N, C-alpha and C. Protein backbone atom coordinates (compact mmCIF):
# COMPACT_ATOMS: atom_id res chain seq x y z
N MET A 1 0.82 -1.18 0.00
CA MET A 1 0.00 0.00 0.00
C MET A 1 0.87 1.26 0.00
N LEU A 2 1.90 1.28 0.85
CA LEU A 2 2.77 2.46 0.90
C LEU A 2 3.54 2.63 -0.40
N LEU A 3 4.03 1.53 -0.96
CA LEU A 3 4.74 1.61 -2.23
C LEU A 3 3.82 2.13 -3.33
N GLU A 4 2.57 1.69 -3.33
CA GLU A 4 1.60 2.18 -4.31
C GLU A 4 1.40 3.68 -4.17
N ALA A 5 1.34 4.17 -2.94
CA ALA A 5 1.19 5.61 -2.71
C ALA A 5 2.41 6.37 -3.22
N GLU A 6 3.60 5.83 -2.96
CA GLU A 6 4.82 6.46 -3.47
C GLU A 6 4.82 6.50 -4.99
N GLN A 7 4.42 5.40 -5.62
CA GLN A 7 4.39 5.35 -7.08
C GLN A 7 3.36 6.33 -7.63
N TRP A 8 2.23 6.43 -6.97
CA TRP A 8 1.21 7.38 -7.40
C TRP A 8 1.75 8.81 -7.31
N LEU A 9 2.42 9.13 -6.21
CA LEU A 9 3.01 10.46 -6.06
C LEU A 9 4.04 10.72 -7.15
N GLY A 10 4.89 9.71 -7.40
CA GLY A 10 5.93 9.87 -8.42
C GLY A 10 5.38 10.12 -9.80
N GLY A 11 4.23 9.55 -10.10
CA GLY A 11 3.62 9.73 -11.42
C GLY A 11 2.63 10.86 -11.49
N SER A 12 2.45 11.59 -10.41
CA SER A 12 1.42 12.64 -10.37
C SER A 12 1.85 13.93 -11.06
N GLY A 13 3.13 14.06 -11.34
CA GLY A 13 3.61 15.31 -11.93
C GLY A 13 3.86 16.39 -10.89
N GLN A 14 3.51 16.12 -9.64
CA GLN A 14 3.75 17.07 -8.56
C GLN A 14 5.08 16.76 -7.91
N ARG A 15 5.73 17.79 -7.44
CA ARG A 15 6.98 17.60 -6.71
C ARG A 15 6.63 16.98 -5.35
N ALA A 16 7.30 15.90 -5.01
CA ALA A 16 7.00 15.21 -3.75
C ALA A 16 8.27 14.64 -3.16
N THR A 17 8.28 14.55 -1.85
CA THR A 17 9.37 13.91 -1.12
C THR A 17 8.77 12.86 -0.20
N VAL A 18 9.37 11.69 -0.20
CA VAL A 18 8.93 10.58 0.64
C VAL A 18 9.93 10.39 1.77
N LEU A 19 9.43 10.24 2.98
CA LEU A 19 10.25 9.89 4.14
C LEU A 19 9.76 8.53 4.62
N ARG A 20 10.57 7.51 4.40
CA ARG A 20 10.22 6.16 4.86
C ARG A 20 10.75 5.98 6.28
N LEU A 21 9.83 5.80 7.21
CA LEU A 21 10.20 5.68 8.62
C LEU A 21 10.38 4.23 9.03
N ALA A 22 11.38 4.00 9.85
CA ALA A 22 11.62 2.67 10.44
C ALA A 22 10.65 2.48 11.60
N GLY A 23 10.85 1.41 12.37
CA GLY A 23 10.01 1.15 13.53
C GLY A 23 10.10 2.28 14.54
N LEU A 24 8.96 2.86 14.85
CA LEU A 24 8.90 4.00 15.77
C LEU A 24 8.88 3.54 17.22
N TYR A 25 9.60 4.26 18.06
CA TYR A 25 9.55 4.04 19.50
C TYR A 25 9.64 5.39 20.17
N GLY A 26 9.23 5.45 21.42
CA GLY A 26 9.25 6.69 22.18
C GLY A 26 8.03 6.74 23.08
N PRO A 27 7.76 7.89 23.70
CA PRO A 27 6.59 8.00 24.56
C PRO A 27 5.32 7.57 23.81
N GLY A 28 4.59 6.66 24.42
CA GLY A 28 3.37 6.15 23.78
C GLY A 28 3.61 5.05 22.76
N ARG A 29 4.87 4.74 22.50
CA ARG A 29 5.22 3.69 21.52
C ARG A 29 6.13 2.68 22.20
N THR A 30 5.60 1.98 23.17
CA THR A 30 6.41 1.08 24.00
C THR A 30 5.96 -0.38 23.87
N GLU A 31 5.50 -0.77 22.69
CA GLU A 31 5.04 -2.14 22.47
C GLU A 31 6.13 -3.16 22.80
N LEU A 32 7.39 -2.82 22.50
CA LEU A 32 8.49 -3.74 22.79
C LEU A 32 8.57 -4.03 24.28
N PHE A 33 8.38 -3.02 25.12
CA PHE A 33 8.40 -3.24 26.57
C PHE A 33 7.35 -4.27 26.96
N GLU A 34 6.16 -4.14 26.41
CA GLU A 34 5.07 -5.07 26.75
C GLU A 34 5.37 -6.48 26.28
N ARG A 35 5.94 -6.63 25.09
CA ARG A 35 6.29 -7.97 24.59
C ARG A 35 7.37 -8.60 25.47
N LEU A 36 8.35 -7.80 25.89
CA LEU A 36 9.41 -8.33 26.75
C LEU A 36 8.86 -8.70 28.13
N ARG A 37 8.03 -7.84 28.70
CA ARG A 37 7.47 -8.11 30.03
C ARG A 37 6.58 -9.35 30.03
N SER A 38 5.85 -9.56 28.95
CA SER A 38 4.92 -10.70 28.88
C SER A 38 5.62 -11.99 28.47
N GLY A 39 6.88 -11.89 28.04
CA GLY A 39 7.60 -13.07 27.60
C GLY A 39 7.28 -13.49 26.17
N ARG A 40 6.54 -12.64 25.43
CA ARG A 40 6.17 -12.96 24.05
C ARG A 40 7.27 -12.65 23.04
N ALA A 41 8.23 -11.83 23.40
CA ALA A 41 9.29 -11.45 22.45
C ALA A 41 10.21 -12.64 22.19
N ARG A 42 10.56 -12.83 20.95
CA ARG A 42 11.49 -13.89 20.53
C ARG A 42 12.52 -13.25 19.60
N VAL A 43 13.71 -13.86 19.57
CA VAL A 43 14.76 -13.34 18.69
C VAL A 43 15.34 -14.47 17.85
N ARG A 44 15.73 -14.12 16.67
CA ARG A 44 16.46 -15.06 15.81
C ARG A 44 17.91 -14.60 15.82
N THR A 45 18.82 -15.52 16.08
CA THR A 45 20.24 -15.14 16.18
C THR A 45 21.05 -15.56 14.96
N GLU A 46 20.70 -16.64 14.31
CA GLU A 46 21.46 -17.12 13.16
C GLU A 46 20.54 -17.44 12.00
N PRO A 47 20.70 -16.78 10.89
CA PRO A 47 21.53 -15.59 10.73
C PRO A 47 20.88 -14.42 11.48
N PRO A 48 21.67 -13.39 11.78
CA PRO A 48 21.10 -12.26 12.52
C PRO A 48 19.91 -11.65 11.76
N PHE A 49 18.91 -11.25 12.50
CA PHE A 49 17.75 -10.56 11.95
C PHE A 49 17.92 -9.09 12.31
N TRP A 50 18.09 -8.25 11.30
CA TRP A 50 18.41 -6.84 11.52
C TRP A 50 17.17 -6.01 11.77
N SER A 51 17.32 -5.02 12.64
CA SER A 51 16.24 -4.13 13.03
C SER A 51 16.69 -2.68 12.88
N ASN A 52 15.79 -1.85 12.39
CA ASN A 52 16.03 -0.41 12.26
C ASN A 52 14.94 0.31 13.04
N ARG A 53 15.32 1.32 13.77
CA ARG A 53 14.38 2.07 14.60
C ARG A 53 14.61 3.57 14.39
N VAL A 54 13.61 4.34 14.81
CA VAL A 54 13.73 5.79 14.87
C VAL A 54 12.82 6.28 16.00
N HIS A 55 13.35 7.17 16.82
CA HIS A 55 12.58 7.74 17.92
C HIS A 55 11.51 8.66 17.33
N VAL A 56 10.31 8.67 17.94
CA VAL A 56 9.22 9.49 17.41
C VAL A 56 9.60 10.97 17.34
N ASP A 57 10.39 11.46 18.29
CA ASP A 57 10.82 12.86 18.24
C ASP A 57 11.71 13.11 17.04
N ASP A 58 12.61 12.18 16.73
CA ASP A 58 13.47 12.33 15.56
C ASP A 58 12.66 12.24 14.27
N ALA A 59 11.65 11.39 14.25
CA ALA A 59 10.79 11.30 13.06
C ALA A 59 10.09 12.63 12.81
N ALA A 60 9.53 13.22 13.86
CA ALA A 60 8.86 14.51 13.72
C ALA A 60 9.84 15.60 13.29
N CYS A 61 11.02 15.62 13.90
CA CYS A 61 12.03 16.62 13.54
C CYS A 61 12.52 16.44 12.11
N ALA A 62 12.61 15.20 11.65
CA ALA A 62 13.03 14.95 10.26
C ALA A 62 12.00 15.51 9.29
N ILE A 63 10.72 15.37 9.60
CA ILE A 63 9.68 15.92 8.74
C ILE A 63 9.82 17.44 8.65
N VAL A 64 9.96 18.09 9.80
CA VAL A 64 10.12 19.55 9.82
C VAL A 64 11.38 19.95 9.06
N HIS A 65 12.47 19.22 9.26
CA HIS A 65 13.73 19.51 8.58
C HIS A 65 13.55 19.44 7.06
N ILE A 66 12.95 18.36 6.58
CA ILE A 66 12.78 18.18 5.13
C ILE A 66 11.88 19.27 4.56
N LEU A 67 10.83 19.64 5.29
CA LEU A 67 9.94 20.70 4.81
C LEU A 67 10.67 22.03 4.66
N GLY A 68 11.74 22.22 5.42
CA GLY A 68 12.51 23.46 5.35
C GLY A 68 13.63 23.46 4.32
N LEU A 69 13.86 22.33 3.67
CA LEU A 69 14.94 22.26 2.67
C LEU A 69 14.52 22.96 1.39
N PRO A 70 15.42 23.76 0.79
CA PRO A 70 15.06 24.44 -0.45
C PRO A 70 14.90 23.50 -1.64
N ASP A 71 15.65 22.42 -1.67
CA ASP A 71 15.58 21.48 -2.79
C ASP A 71 15.75 20.05 -2.27
N PRO A 72 14.73 19.52 -1.60
CA PRO A 72 14.87 18.20 -1.00
C PRO A 72 14.95 17.09 -2.05
N ALA A 73 15.59 16.00 -1.67
CA ALA A 73 15.61 14.81 -2.53
C ALA A 73 14.20 14.22 -2.57
N THR A 74 14.00 13.27 -3.45
CA THR A 74 12.67 12.66 -3.56
C THR A 74 12.44 11.58 -2.51
N LEU A 75 13.51 11.06 -1.89
CA LEU A 75 13.37 9.98 -0.93
C LEU A 75 14.41 10.09 0.17
N TYR A 76 13.96 9.93 1.40
CA TYR A 76 14.85 9.83 2.56
C TYR A 76 14.41 8.64 3.40
N LEU A 77 15.37 8.04 4.11
CA LEU A 77 15.06 6.98 5.05
C LEU A 77 15.14 7.54 6.46
N GLY A 78 14.05 7.44 7.19
CA GLY A 78 13.99 7.93 8.56
C GLY A 78 14.35 6.82 9.53
N VAL A 79 15.64 6.62 9.72
CA VAL A 79 16.17 5.60 10.63
C VAL A 79 17.27 6.24 11.46
N ASP A 80 17.60 5.60 12.58
CA ASP A 80 18.71 6.13 13.37
C ASP A 80 20.04 5.71 12.75
N ASP A 81 21.13 6.03 13.40
CA ASP A 81 22.46 5.75 12.86
C ASP A 81 22.89 4.30 13.05
N THR A 82 22.13 3.52 13.83
CA THR A 82 22.64 2.25 14.31
C THR A 82 21.67 1.09 14.09
N PRO A 83 21.65 0.50 12.89
CA PRO A 83 20.86 -0.73 12.76
C PRO A 83 21.48 -1.81 13.64
N LEU A 84 20.64 -2.60 14.29
CA LEU A 84 21.14 -3.60 15.24
C LEU A 84 20.52 -4.97 14.96
N PRO A 85 21.28 -6.03 15.23
CA PRO A 85 20.63 -7.34 15.23
C PRO A 85 19.53 -7.32 16.29
N ILE A 86 18.39 -7.89 15.96
CA ILE A 86 17.25 -7.82 16.88
C ILE A 86 17.57 -8.45 18.23
N ALA A 87 18.42 -9.47 18.25
CA ALA A 87 18.81 -10.08 19.53
C ALA A 87 19.55 -9.07 20.40
N GLN A 88 20.40 -8.24 19.81
CA GLN A 88 21.13 -7.22 20.57
C GLN A 88 20.18 -6.14 21.06
N LEU A 89 19.26 -5.71 20.20
CA LEU A 89 18.30 -4.68 20.60
C LEU A 89 17.39 -5.18 21.71
N TYR A 90 16.74 -6.32 21.50
CA TYR A 90 15.81 -6.84 22.50
C TYR A 90 16.53 -7.19 23.80
N GLY A 91 17.72 -7.78 23.69
CA GLY A 91 18.49 -8.12 24.88
C GLY A 91 18.88 -6.89 25.67
N GLY A 92 19.33 -5.84 24.97
CA GLY A 92 19.71 -4.60 25.64
C GLY A 92 18.55 -3.93 26.34
N VAL A 93 17.40 -3.91 25.68
CA VAL A 93 16.22 -3.30 26.30
C VAL A 93 15.76 -4.14 27.49
N ALA A 94 15.76 -5.46 27.34
CA ALA A 94 15.36 -6.34 28.45
C ALA A 94 16.24 -6.11 29.67
N ARG A 95 17.55 -6.01 29.48
CA ARG A 95 18.46 -5.76 30.60
C ARG A 95 18.12 -4.44 31.29
N ARG A 96 17.83 -3.41 30.51
CA ARG A 96 17.50 -2.11 31.10
C ARG A 96 16.18 -2.17 31.88
N LEU A 97 15.30 -3.06 31.49
CA LEU A 97 14.03 -3.24 32.20
C LEU A 97 14.16 -4.21 33.37
N GLY A 98 15.36 -4.81 33.54
CA GLY A 98 15.57 -5.78 34.60
C GLY A 98 14.91 -7.12 34.31
N LEU A 99 14.78 -7.44 33.03
CA LEU A 99 14.13 -8.68 32.60
C LEU A 99 15.14 -9.63 31.98
N PRO A 100 14.82 -10.91 31.92
CA PRO A 100 15.71 -11.84 31.21
C PRO A 100 15.67 -11.57 29.71
N GLU A 101 16.76 -11.91 29.06
CA GLU A 101 16.79 -11.75 27.60
C GLU A 101 15.77 -12.69 26.98
N PRO A 102 15.16 -12.28 25.87
CA PRO A 102 14.13 -13.13 25.26
C PRO A 102 14.72 -14.42 24.70
N ALA A 103 13.87 -15.42 24.64
CA ALA A 103 14.27 -16.72 24.10
C ALA A 103 14.42 -16.64 22.59
N GLU A 104 15.17 -17.60 22.07
CA GLU A 104 15.33 -17.66 20.62
C GLU A 104 14.04 -18.20 20.01
N GLY A 105 13.71 -17.67 18.86
CA GLY A 105 12.50 -18.10 18.17
C GLY A 105 12.47 -17.53 16.77
N PRO A 106 11.35 -17.68 16.08
CA PRO A 106 11.27 -17.20 14.70
C PRO A 106 11.33 -15.68 14.63
N ALA A 107 11.76 -15.20 13.48
CA ALA A 107 11.82 -13.76 13.25
C ALA A 107 10.40 -13.18 13.26
N PRO A 108 10.26 -11.91 13.62
CA PRO A 108 8.94 -11.29 13.60
C PRO A 108 8.30 -11.39 12.22
N GLN A 109 7.00 -11.58 12.19
CA GLN A 109 6.26 -11.68 10.93
C GLN A 109 6.03 -10.29 10.33
N GLY A 110 6.04 -10.23 9.01
CA GLY A 110 5.64 -9.02 8.32
C GLY A 110 6.68 -7.94 8.19
N ILE A 111 7.88 -8.18 8.66
CA ILE A 111 8.94 -7.18 8.49
C ILE A 111 10.18 -7.88 7.95
N GLY A 112 10.95 -7.15 7.19
CA GLY A 112 12.15 -7.71 6.60
C GLY A 112 13.37 -7.47 7.47
N SER A 113 14.39 -8.23 7.21
CA SER A 113 15.66 -8.06 7.90
C SER A 113 16.59 -7.29 6.98
N LYS A 114 16.88 -6.06 7.34
CA LYS A 114 17.77 -5.25 6.51
C LYS A 114 18.43 -4.18 7.37
N ARG A 115 19.59 -3.75 6.90
CA ARG A 115 20.30 -2.65 7.55
C ARG A 115 20.12 -1.42 6.67
N LEU A 116 19.44 -0.43 7.19
CA LEU A 116 19.16 0.79 6.43
C LEU A 116 20.10 1.90 6.88
N SER A 117 20.29 2.88 5.99
CA SER A 117 21.19 3.99 6.27
C SER A 117 20.44 5.32 6.15
N ASN A 118 20.73 6.22 7.07
CA ASN A 118 20.18 7.57 7.02
C ASN A 118 21.17 8.56 6.40
N ALA A 119 22.13 8.07 5.64
CA ALA A 119 23.21 8.93 5.11
C ALA A 119 22.66 10.10 4.30
N ARG A 120 21.65 9.89 3.48
CA ARG A 120 21.11 10.99 2.67
C ARG A 120 20.45 12.03 3.57
N LEU A 121 19.71 11.59 4.56
CA LEU A 121 19.07 12.52 5.49
C LEU A 121 20.12 13.28 6.28
N ARG A 122 21.14 12.59 6.75
CA ARG A 122 22.25 13.24 7.47
C ARG A 122 22.96 14.25 6.57
N ALA A 123 23.20 13.88 5.31
CA ALA A 123 23.90 14.77 4.37
C ALA A 123 23.10 16.05 4.12
N SER A 124 21.80 16.01 4.34
CA SER A 124 20.97 17.21 4.15
C SER A 124 21.07 18.16 5.34
N GLY A 125 21.80 17.74 6.39
CA GLY A 125 21.98 18.58 7.56
C GLY A 125 21.21 18.12 8.79
N PHE A 126 20.45 17.06 8.67
CA PHE A 126 19.68 16.57 9.81
C PHE A 126 20.58 15.85 10.80
N VAL A 127 20.40 16.16 12.08
CA VAL A 127 21.14 15.49 13.15
C VAL A 127 20.12 14.94 14.14
N PRO A 128 20.03 13.60 14.25
CA PRO A 128 19.05 13.04 15.18
C PRO A 128 19.46 13.24 16.64
N ARG A 129 18.47 13.45 17.48
CA ARG A 129 18.74 13.55 18.91
C ARG A 129 19.09 12.17 19.47
N TRP A 130 18.48 11.14 18.90
CA TRP A 130 18.67 9.77 19.36
C TRP A 130 19.28 8.93 18.23
N PRO A 131 20.60 9.04 18.01
CA PRO A 131 21.22 8.30 16.90
C PRO A 131 21.38 6.80 17.16
N ASP A 132 21.12 6.37 18.39
CA ASP A 132 21.29 4.97 18.78
C ASP A 132 20.03 4.54 19.53
N SER A 133 19.32 3.55 19.01
CA SER A 133 18.05 3.15 19.64
C SER A 133 18.24 2.60 21.04
N LEU A 134 19.36 1.96 21.33
CA LEU A 134 19.57 1.46 22.70
C LEU A 134 19.62 2.62 23.69
N ALA A 135 20.29 3.71 23.32
CA ALA A 135 20.33 4.89 24.19
C ALA A 135 18.94 5.51 24.30
N GLY A 136 18.22 5.55 23.20
CA GLY A 136 16.86 6.09 23.22
C GLY A 136 15.93 5.27 24.10
N TYR A 137 16.00 3.95 23.96
CA TYR A 137 15.18 3.09 24.81
C TYR A 137 15.59 3.22 26.28
N ALA A 138 16.89 3.35 26.56
CA ALA A 138 17.36 3.51 27.94
C ALA A 138 16.75 4.76 28.56
N ALA A 139 16.71 5.86 27.81
CA ALA A 139 16.11 7.09 28.32
C ALA A 139 14.61 6.90 28.54
N LEU A 140 13.98 6.14 27.68
CA LEU A 140 12.55 5.87 27.81
C LEU A 140 12.26 5.04 29.06
N VAL A 141 13.13 4.09 29.35
CA VAL A 141 12.96 3.26 30.56
C VAL A 141 13.05 4.14 31.80
N LYS A 142 13.97 5.12 31.79
CA LYS A 142 14.16 6.00 32.96
C LYS A 142 12.98 6.94 33.18
N SER A 143 12.26 7.25 32.10
CA SER A 143 11.17 8.25 32.22
C SER A 143 9.89 7.68 32.78
């Protein structure tokens, strides 16, 4: 559905910029905490299953940043600086919550394993407040 919308925009003749956002986390977006607390979270370790995240504040700031660019590119990836194997991400968040690391299991359904880069967004002058999702989640745990 999202790809269809992007294709429609691209063929509309109108100038458009797409910001593809990774998995959002932040205040009000704590589904991972609930999965870890309930014991439902599972991780695949071999081969590593890659995860990309972006803090909701950085996502909002990226939108404002792009709207202020005089000549934005047609596509940006809204991800932090640090794609992580899901086992490292989930394990790190579990430790910060004082929980055991999740058991090994199948990869999450409906999402792909890939390492994405925000290099184009960074090159436009954008600087994320939360360049590392583990640090962002740690701050969220403290709040």
